[in-house]
Amino acid sequence: MQGVDINDKHIEVIVRQMLRKVRVEDAGDTDLLPGGLVDIFEFERENERVIAEGGMPAQAKRILLGITKASLATDSFLSAASFQETTRVLTEAAIKGKSDPLVGLKENVIIGKLIPAGTGMSRYRDIEIKVEGQSDDALQEQEESIELELPSESDLIEV
């Protein structure tokens, strides 16, 4: 593309986002509305629920959205607002009383939170590292030696 090499995995991610929505043709026994655009994962989840209950699943066709529409059709209104049509997206979110679950990278960066990747993932917070063969007593001694002494009130300087 225009003399720039792009790895295939990036194209795959973009195309996947563009093909993420389906148009419901027959709602069956689901709660979906005919003609509505629904996320493919939500559609499959709803069909699995209805089939488990012995009902008729919905029928739908995949829709190819343009890059702009695909970016605006995300679950996160903060992510959508950062792309295009910021005023419209934020106004619509306010009117509908939407809340953003802050799951993705972009929305967490926007509000200044740790991103849910690498050491920012919840499973990597508050972990303890224990050296093999090290006793709990030795670990306790290390923790005590690391603790800082706070100054007493008499050590404080009034300005």
Foldseek 3Di string as FASTA:
>chain_A
DVPDDDDVVVVVVQQCLQQQWKAWCFAWPFPDDHRDIDGPVVLVVRQVVQVVVVTDHTDIGTDGHDSLVSQLPDPALQSNLVPDPVVVSVVVCVVVVHDGPLQAQVVCVVVVQQGCDDCSNPVNPPDDDDDPPDDPVNVVVVVVVPDDDDDDPVPDDDD
